[in-house]
Amino acid sequence: MTERENIATAQEITLHMGPQHPSTHGVLHLILDLQGEKIVRAEPDIGYLHRGTEKIAENLLYHQFVPYTDRLDYMCAMSNNLAYVQAVEKLLGIELTERAKYIRVIAAELSRIAGHLMAVGAWALDLGAMSILLYAMREREIVLDIFEMLCGARMTLSYLRVGGVRYDFTDKCVEACGNLLELMPGRLAEYERILLGNRVWVDRNRGVGVISAEEAINLGLSGPALRASGVKWDIRKDEPYLIYDRFDFDVPVGTNGDCFDRYVMRIEEIKQSMRIIRQALKDLPDGPFNVDVPELVPPPKPDVYKNMENLIHHFKYVSHGFKVPEGEVYSSIEAPKGELGVYIVSDGSEKPYRLKLRVPSFHNLQTVNKLSKGRYLADIIAIISSLDPVFGECDK
């Protein structure tokens, strides 16, 4: 009896994968309809990490919500900070200082490198290649060391604030970034030698989870997963924010739209992030790193202990916040996983009237059925890994 005849006569069963399967990048429950080992339908069941983040925002002062954004895609906290504060600044109609713009670009691209390193390392581990996770974490630790120099934290950073950044980018940080840029090309080449020289890795990803450009657009894919299907769309290039239009970098695109191309996109994007950081470090201007608007920025902490006016200013900022003009705004950035957008409705008070998050993990995950239909059960692991979902972000 042929394989096709076996499948045709096999009874269809439903398999519940998760919600604690080690290869689902968080708490994901997949409901899989199988015929033999072939997937007939795959339905993601999400919500296990839902915390009501958007509703929480309505009950917090604008500046108080920044730490909550760290807990969305906690692998790339800087990007979450950026998307949120940029939306608030758009409502306020303020212009950042030049130094703040450059610092934000460097922080965002370091965050992209950290996120992609985790994605590739965890992906390899999911498919049985443990070495790459250890190597990727080794380099990721260097990025986290830079974040620790910058703001004293490694994962949940709360570094960006409305009006600028919390701390200046010191010479020590500049030196550490330079060391990272020297180190990474050799380390990336090492990853590629190990993975591309492993026929199991290549066979488990090439031709698996294919999606066309048209289908990817219709299903709302963004980021590396969209570009892997040949769609050259990157918000940094197509709808520039901060100062991305000043930098020379490429937008890599794939041709097959499969898991292998989604891997290639992440490796290539790390290389482009290094190009951007190198240019930003070279052109980093002097000057203030926060806007000169007392209502938006508290005084430096040492001054709070020496001066009564600064103490009062600090108290009012922390306890009362600042008012934002009435209106609504949508602002998006190119986060490591795709388009991260923030929609805010303001009623003119110190708190958002409504806040909505457009998170890439949620939108990318809805392609799982399309990517896995007709594939083997084992392929679902590579497919989920290639989308790199983080469920703190997906469930919000």
Protein backbone atom coordinates (compact mmCIF):
# COMPACT_ATOMS: atom_id res chain seq x y z
CA MET A 1 0.00 0.00 0.00
CA THR A 2 1.38 3.42 -0.99
CA GLU A 3 1.81 6.34 1.40
CA ARG A 4 -1.07 8.16 -0.31
CA GLU A 5 -3.38 5.15 0.15
CA ASN A 6 -2.30 4.89 3.79
CA ILE A 7 -3.21 8.55 4.39
CA ALA A 8 -6.49 8.18 2.55
CA THR A 9 -7.57 5.29 4.80
CA ALA A 10 -6.13 6.72 8.04
CA GLN A 11 -8.62 7.92 10.60
CA GLU A 12 -8.47 11.64 11.32
CA ILE A 13 -7.51 12.39 14.91
CA THR A 14 -7.12 15.57 16.95
CA LEU A 15 -3.87 16.08 18.84
CA HIS A 16 -3.51 18.74 21.53
CA MET A 17 0.04 20.05 21.51
CA GLY A 18 0.78 22.14 24.57
CA PRO A 19 0.11 24.39 26.31
CA GLN A 20 3.46 23.45 27.87
CA HIS A 21 5.30 21.88 25.00
CA PRO A 22 8.98 22.93 25.18
CA SER A 23 9.10 23.87 21.49
CA THR A 24 6.28 26.42 21.46
CA HIS A 25 8.24 29.52 22.57
CA GLY A 26 5.98 30.20 25.50
CA VAL A 27 2.54 29.06 26.52
CA LEU A 28 0.90 28.05 23.25
CA HIS A 29 -1.77 25.40 22.77
CA LEU A 30 -2.01 24.01 19.24
CA ILE A 31 -5.04 21.97 18.22
CA LEU A 32 -3.85 19.76 15.37
CA ASP A 33 -6.15 17.67 13.16
CA LEU A 34 -4.03 14.84 11.76
CA GLN A 35 -4.49 12.16 9.17
CA GLY A 36 -1.67 9.78 9.80
CA GLU A 37 1.33 12.04 10.31
CA LYS A 38 0.03 14.71 7.95
CA ILE A 39 -1.50 17.91 9.32
CA VAL A 40 -5.01 18.62 8.05
CA ARG A 41 -5.60 21.70 10.18
CA ALA A 42 -3.66 23.63 12.82
CA GLU A 43 -5.46 25.99 15.17
CA PRO A 44 -3.49 28.09 17.68
CA ASP A 45 -5.24 28.48 21.03
CA ILE A 46 -3.75 31.54 22.71
CA GLY A 47 -4.44 33.67 25.77
CA TYR A 48 -2.59 31.80 28.52
CA LEU A 49 -0.43 34.88 29.22
CA HIS A 50 -3.17 37.48 28.80
CA ARG A 51 -2.77 40.24 31.42
CA GLY A 52 -5.07 42.96 30.07
CA THR A 53 -2.12 45.19 29.17
CA GLU A 54 -4.17 47.55 27.01
CA LYS A 55 -6.75 48.04 29.78
CA ILE A 56 -4.01 48.56 32.36
CA ALA A 57 -2.69 51.46 30.24
CA GLU A 58 -5.99 53.33 30.64
CA ASN A 59 -5.46 53.44 34.40
CA LEU A 60 -1.84 54.60 34.39
CA LEU A 61 -0.14 57.92 33.75
CA TYR A 62 1.54 58.01 30.35
CA HIS A 63 5.04 57.64 31.76
CA GLN A 64 3.98 54.82 34.09
CA PHE A 65 3.13 52.51 31.19
CA VAL A 66 6.67 52.32 29.80
CA PRO A 67 7.72 49.39 32.09
CA TYR A 68 4.67 47.42 30.92
CA THR A 69 5.92 47.59 27.34
CA ASP A 70 9.10 45.77 28.41
CA ARG A 71 6.94 42.77 29.25
CA LEU A 72 5.47 42.44 25.75
CA ASP A 73 8.30 41.06 23.62
CA TYR A 74 10.64 40.69 26.57
CA MET A 75 13.42 39.50 24.24
CA CYS A 76 13.52 42.94 22.57
CA ALA A 77 12.37 45.41 25.22
CA MET A 78 13.97 48.49 23.64
CA SER A 79 11.77 48.15 20.55
CA ASN A 80 8.62 48.03 22.68
CA ASN A 81 9.70 51.14 24.59
CA LEU A 82 10.32 52.93 21.30
CA ALA A 83 6.97 52.13 19.72
CA TYR A 84 5.06 53.40 22.75
CA VAL A 85 6.96 56.60 23.55
CA GLN A 86 7.04 57.51 19.86
CA ALA A 87 3.23 57.35 19.73
CA VAL A 88 2.89 59.59 22.80
CA GLU A 89 5.41 62.06 21.35
CA LYS A 90 3.44 62.15 18.12
CA LEU A 91 0.35 63.19 20.09
CA LEU A 92 2.36 65.80 21.95
CA GLY A 93 3.88 67.12 18.73
CA ILE A 94 7.39 67.35 20.16
CA GLU A 95 10.71 67.03 18.32
CA LEU A 96 13.49 65.02 19.93
CA THR A 97 17.06 66.24 20.23
CA GLU A 98 19.51 64.91 17.66
CA ARG A 99 21.48 62.97 20.24
CA ALA A 100 18.35 61.28 21.54
CA LYS A 101 17.44 60.15 18.01
CA TYR A 102 20.84 58.56 17.45
CA ILE A 103 20.81 56.86 20.86
CA ARG A 104 17.37 55.43 20.16
CA VAL A 105 18.48 54.02 16.82
CA ILE A 106 21.49 52.33 18.41
CA ALA A 107 19.35 50.92 21.23
CA ALA A 108 16.69 49.64 18.80
CA GLU A 109 19.24 47.92 16.55
CA LEU A 110 21.01 46.32 19.51
CA SER A 111 17.60 45.05 20.55
CA ARG A 112 17.07 43.62 17.05
CA ILE A 113 20.40 41.79 17.23
CA ALA A 114 19.53 40.38 20.68
CA GLY A 115 16.10 39.26 19.47
CA HIS A 116 17.37 37.56 16.32
CA LEU A 117 20.15 35.80 18.21
CA MET A 118 17.59 34.34 20.58
CA ALA A 119 15.33 33.38 17.65
CA VAL A 120 18.05 31.51 15.77
CA GLY A 121 19.43 29.84 18.90
CA ALA A 122 16.05 28.64 20.16
CA TRP A 123 15.06 27.52 16.67
CA ALA A 124 18.14 25.33 16.35
CA LEU A 125 17.52 23.89 19.81
CA ASP A 126 13.91 23.09 18.89
CA LEU A 127 15.22 20.97 16.01
CA GLY A 128 17.87 19.25 18.11
CA ALA A 129 20.98 21.38 17.54
CA MET A 130 21.93 22.59 21.01
CA SER A 131 25.34 24.10 20.22
CA ILE A 132 23.97 27.12 18.36
CA LEU A 133 21.81 28.18 21.32
CA LEU A 134 24.91 28.28 23.52
CA TYR A 135 26.85 30.28 20.91
CA ALA A 136 23.98 32.69 20.27
CA MET A 137 23.46 33.27 23.99
CA ARG A 138 27.18 33.96 24.33
CA GLU A 139 26.89 36.87 21.88
CA ARG A 140 23.53 37.96 23.24
CA GLU A 141 25.09 38.34 26.67
CA ILE A 142 27.45 40.93 25.19
CA VAL A 143 24.46 42.97 24.00
CA LEU A 144 22.85 42.65 27.41
CA ASP A 145 26.10 43.83 29.00
CA ILE A 146 25.82 47.00 26.90
CA PHE A 147 22.24 47.49 28.07
CA GLU A 148 23.40 47.05 31.66
CA MET A 149 26.05 49.74 31.16
CA LEU A 150 23.41 51.96 29.63
CA CYS A 151 20.58 51.69 32.14
CA GLY A 152 21.44 49.14 34.83
CA ALA A 153 19.08 46.43 33.54
CA ARG A 154 19.46 43.55 31.11
CA MET A 155 15.98 42.49 29.97
CA THR A 156 13.19 44.72 31.26
CA LEU A 157 14.90 48.00 30.52
CA SER A 158 12.42 50.92 30.64
CA TYR A 159 15.21 52.96 29.07
CA LEU A 160 13.30 55.15 26.66
CA ARG A 161 11.07 57.88 28.08
CA VAL A 162 8.68 60.35 26.54
CA GLY A 163 10.94 63.17 25.40
CA GLY A 164 14.19 61.25 25.12
CA VAL A 165 16.08 58.59 27.07
CA ARG A 166 16.78 58.07 30.76
CA TYR A 167 20.58 58.05 30.65
CA ASP A 168 23.22 59.30 28.25
CA PHE A 169 25.16 57.01 25.94
CA THR A 170 28.59 57.04 27.56
CA ASP A 171 32.04 56.56 26.02
CA LYS A 172 32.15 53.18 27.70
CA CYS A 173 28.98 52.14 25.85
CA VAL A 174 30.43 53.40 22.57
CA GLU A 175 33.57 51.32 23.15
CA ALA A 176 31.52 48.21 24.02
CA CYS A 177 29.44 48.62 20.85
CA GLY A 178 32.65 48.90 18.81
CA ASN A 179 33.93 45.66 20.32
CA LEU A 180 30.64 43.92 19.49
CA LEU A 181 30.81 45.10 15.87
CA GLU A 182 34.33 43.68 15.53
CA LEU A 183 33.35 40.35 17.05
CA MET A 184 30.02 39.59 15.38
CA PRO A 185 30.99 38.97 11.72
CA GLY A 186 33.23 36.07 12.71
CA ARG A 187 30.63 34.65 15.07
CA LEU A 188 27.87 34.84 12.44
CA ALA A 189 30.14 33.02 9.99
CA GLU A 190 30.59 30.35 12.66
CA TYR A 191 26.81 29.92 13.03
CA GLU A 192 26.41 29.57 9.28
CA ARG A 193 29.20 26.99 8.98
CA ILE A 194 27.59 24.89 11.68
CA LEU A 195 23.98 25.17 10.50
CA LEU A 196 24.40 25.21 6.73
CA GLY A 197 26.86 22.33 6.99
CA ASN A 198 24.25 20.29 8.84
CA ARG A 199 22.03 18.53 6.31
CA VAL A 200 19.43 17.74 8.99
CA TRP A 201 19.01 21.46 9.77
CA VAL A 202 18.76 22.34 6.09
CA ASP A 203 16.31 19.52 5.26
CA ARG A 204 14.09 20.34 8.25
CA ASN A 205 13.70 23.94 7.03
CA ARG A 206 14.09 24.09 3.26
CA GLY A 207 10.74 23.78 1.47
CA VAL A 208 8.86 23.66 4.80
CA GLY A 209 6.17 26.19 5.74
CA VAL A 210 6.01 27.86 2.33
CA ILE A 211 3.82 30.94 1.88
CA SER A 212 3.58 33.15 -1.20
CA ALA A 213 3.96 36.92 -1.17
CA GLU A 214 0.26 37.46 -1.87
CA GLU A 215 -0.85 35.08 0.88
CA ALA A 216 1.63 36.61 3.33
CA ILE A 217 0.26 40.10 2.70
CA ASN A 218 -3.37 38.93 2.94
CA LEU A 219 -2.72 37.22 6.28
CA GLY A 220 -0.98 40.26 7.79
CA LEU A 221 2.56 38.90 7.99
CA SER A 222 5.28 41.45 8.61
CA GLY A 223 8.96 41.61 9.44
CA PRO A 224 11.40 38.83 8.46
CA ALA A 225 8.53 36.40 7.81
CA LEU A 226 7.05 38.73 5.19
CA ARG A 227 10.37 39.62 3.57
CA ALA A 228 11.23 35.90 3.31
CA SER A 229 8.36 35.65 0.82
CA GLY A 230 9.94 38.29 -1.41
CA VAL A 231 8.04 41.36 -0.19
CA LYS A 232 10.53 44.21 0.22
CA TRP A 233 8.70 46.08 2.97
CA ASP A 234 10.53 47.55 5.94
CA ILE A 235 9.04 50.46 7.87
CA ARG A 236 12.52 51.85 8.50
CA LYS A 237 12.87 52.33 4.73
CA ASP A 238 9.29 52.75 3.50
CA GLU A 239 7.89 54.93 6.31
CA PRO A 240 11.08 56.21 7.98
CA TYR A 241 10.98 57.25 11.63
CA LEU A 242 13.69 58.69 13.86
CA ILE A 243 16.67 59.16 11.49
CA TYR A 244 16.67 55.88 9.56
CA ASP A 245 16.55 57.78 6.28
CA ARG A 246 20.10 59.03 7.01
CA PHE A 247 21.62 55.55 7.11
CA ASP A 248 22.84 53.32 4.32
CA PHE A 249 21.51 49.79 4.79
CA ASP A 250 19.82 47.09 2.71
CA VAL A 251 16.51 45.27 3.16
CA PRO A 252 17.19 41.56 2.54
CA VAL A 253 14.41 39.56 0.89
CA GLY A 254 13.93 35.85 0.24
CA THR A 255 12.58 33.99 -2.75
CA ASN A 256 10.87 30.84 -1.49
CA GLY A 257 8.97 32.03 1.58
CA ASP A 258 9.93 28.90 3.51
CA CYS A 259 11.42 28.32 6.97
CA PHE A 260 14.94 28.36 5.54
CA ASP A 261 14.45 31.82 4.02
CA ARG A 262 13.07 33.08 7.33
CA TYR A 263 16.32 31.91 8.94
CA VAL A 264 18.40 33.67 6.29
CA MET A 265 16.45 36.90 6.82
CA ARG A 266 17.40 37.01 10.49
CA ILE A 267 21.08 36.41 9.87
CA GLU A 268 21.15 39.08 7.15
CA GLU A 269 19.22 41.54 9.32
CA ILE A 270 21.78 41.18 12.10
CA LYS A 271 24.44 42.19 9.56
CA GLN A 272 22.38 45.22 8.47
CA SER A 273 21.80 46.24 12.09
CA MET A 274 25.56 46.24 12.60
CA ARG A 275 25.92 48.55 9.57
CA ILE A 276 23.37 50.95 11.05
CA ILE A 277 24.99 50.94 14.51
CA ARG A 278 28.43 51.56 13.00
CA GLN A 279 27.14 54.65 11.13
CA ALA A 280 25.19 55.89 14.17
CA LEU A 281 28.24 55.62 16.44
CA LYS A 282 30.36 57.48 13.90
CA ASP A 283 27.87 60.36 13.58
CA LEU A 284 26.64 60.43 17.22
CA PRO A 285 26.32 64.16 18.02
CA ASP A 286 26.94 65.91 21.30
CA GLY A 287 24.20 67.75 23.16
CA PRO A 288 21.22 67.03 25.42
CA PHE A 289 19.54 63.63 25.32
CA ASN A 290 16.13 64.89 26.48
CA VAL A 291 13.84 67.66 25.27
CA ASP A 292 13.85 70.93 27.19
CA VAL A 293 10.24 70.61 28.40
CA PRO A 294 10.14 70.43 32.22
CA GLU A 295 6.64 68.92 32.28
CA LEU A 296 7.82 65.89 30.30
CA VAL A 297 11.24 65.22 31.80
CA PRO A 298 12.07 65.04 35.53
CA PRO A 299 15.22 66.74 36.85
CA PRO A 300 18.43 64.70 37.20
CA LYS A 301 18.19 62.57 40.34
CA PRO A 302 21.26 64.11 42.12
CA ASP A 303 19.65 67.55 41.80
CA VAL A 304 16.47 66.34 43.53
CA TYR A 305 18.41 65.92 46.77
CA LYS A 306 19.96 69.41 46.65
CA ASN A 307 17.21 71.74 45.53
CA MET A 308 13.61 72.17 46.77
CA GLU A 309 12.31 73.28 43.35
CA ASN A 310 13.74 70.16 41.75
CA LEU A 311 12.24 68.01 44.49
CA ILE A 312 8.79 69.51 43.85
CA HIS A 313 9.26 69.13 40.09
CA HIS A 314 10.20 65.47 40.52
CA PHE A 315 7.24 64.83 42.84
CA LYS A 316 4.75 66.41 40.42
CA TYR A 317 6.15 64.45 37.47
CA VAL A 318 6.00 61.11 39.28
CA SER A 319 2.62 61.57 40.95
CA HIS A 320 0.67 63.67 38.42
CA GLY A 321 2.42 63.04 35.11
CA PHE A 322 1.68 65.33 32.17
CA LYS A 323 -1.35 66.06 30.06
CA VAL A 324 -1.50 65.02 26.41
CA PRO A 325 -3.58 67.00 23.89
CA GLU A 326 -6.94 65.51 22.92
CA GLY A 327 -6.83 63.41 19.75
CA GLU A 328 -5.84 60.03 18.39
CA VAL A 329 -2.70 58.66 16.81
CA TYR A 330 -1.22 55.49 15.35
CA SER A 331 2.54 55.07 15.28
CA SER A 332 4.46 51.98 14.18
CA ILE A 333 8.05 50.79 14.04
CA GLU A 334 9.90 47.89 12.43
CA ALA A 335 10.36 45.67 15.47
CA PRO A 336 12.50 42.51 15.19
CA LYS A 337 9.41 40.35 14.62
CA GLY A 338 7.55 42.78 12.35
CA GLU A 339 5.29 45.80 12.56
CA LEU A 340 4.73 46.92 16.15
CA GLY A 341 2.11 49.65 16.27
CA VAL A 342 0.53 51.68 19.06
CA TYR A 343 -2.86 53.36 18.70
CA ILE A 344 -3.75 55.90 21.38
CA VAL A 345 -6.91 57.90 21.93
CA SER A 346 -6.39 60.87 24.25
CA ASP A 347 -9.12 62.80 26.03
CA GLY A 348 -6.70 65.52 27.10
CA SER A 349 -5.93 64.03 30.52
CA GLU A 350 -2.79 62.49 32.02
CA LYS A 351 -3.89 58.95 31.10
CA PRO A 352 -4.76 57.34 27.74
CA TYR A 353 -8.50 57.10 27.14
CA ARG A 354 -7.83 54.04 24.96
CA LEU A 355 -4.70 52.19 23.93
CA LYS A 356 -4.45 49.41 21.35
CA LEU A 357 -1.33 47.43 20.50
CA ARG A 358 -0.72 45.97 17.03
CA VAL A 359 1.79 43.24 17.88
CA PRO A 360 3.56 41.16 15.20
CA SER A 361 3.51 37.83 17.07
CA PHE A 362 -0.30 37.80 17.09
CA HIS A 363 -0.64 38.55 13.38
CA ASN A 364 2.18 36.24 12.32
CA LEU A 365 0.72 33.35 14.30
CA GLN A 366 -2.50 33.34 12.26
CA THR A 367 -0.51 31.96 9.33
CA VAL A 368 0.21 28.68 11.16
CA ASN A 369 -2.65 26.79 9.53
CA LYS A 370 -1.60 27.90 6.05
CA LEU A 371 2.07 27.10 6.67
CA SER A 372 1.52 23.65 8.18
CA LYS A 373 -1.39 22.22 6.18
CA GLY A 374 -0.25 19.08 4.36
CA ARG A 375 3.07 18.95 6.20
CA TYR A 376 4.24 16.32 8.67
CA LEU A 377 3.66 16.66 12.41
CA ALA A 378 7.41 17.16 13.00
CA ASP A 379 7.37 20.18 10.67
CA ILE A 380 5.13 22.20 12.99
CA ILE A 381 8.13 22.70 15.31
CA ALA A 382 10.22 24.30 12.56
CA ILE A 383 7.25 26.40 11.42
CA ILE A 384 6.52 27.83 14.88
CA SER A 385 10.23 28.50 15.43
CA SER A 386 10.53 30.28 12.08
CA LEU A 387 7.82 32.75 13.15
CA ASP A 388 9.59 33.37 16.49
CA PRO A 389 6.47 34.24 18.48
CA VAL A 390 6.73 35.56 22.03
CA PHE A 391 3.49 35.06 23.92
CA GLY A 392 3.90 37.90 26.36
CA GLU A 393 3.46 40.04 23.25
CA CYS A 394 0.91 37.83 21.49
CA ASP A 395 -1.47 37.56 24.45
CA LYS A 396 -0.81 41.03 25.91
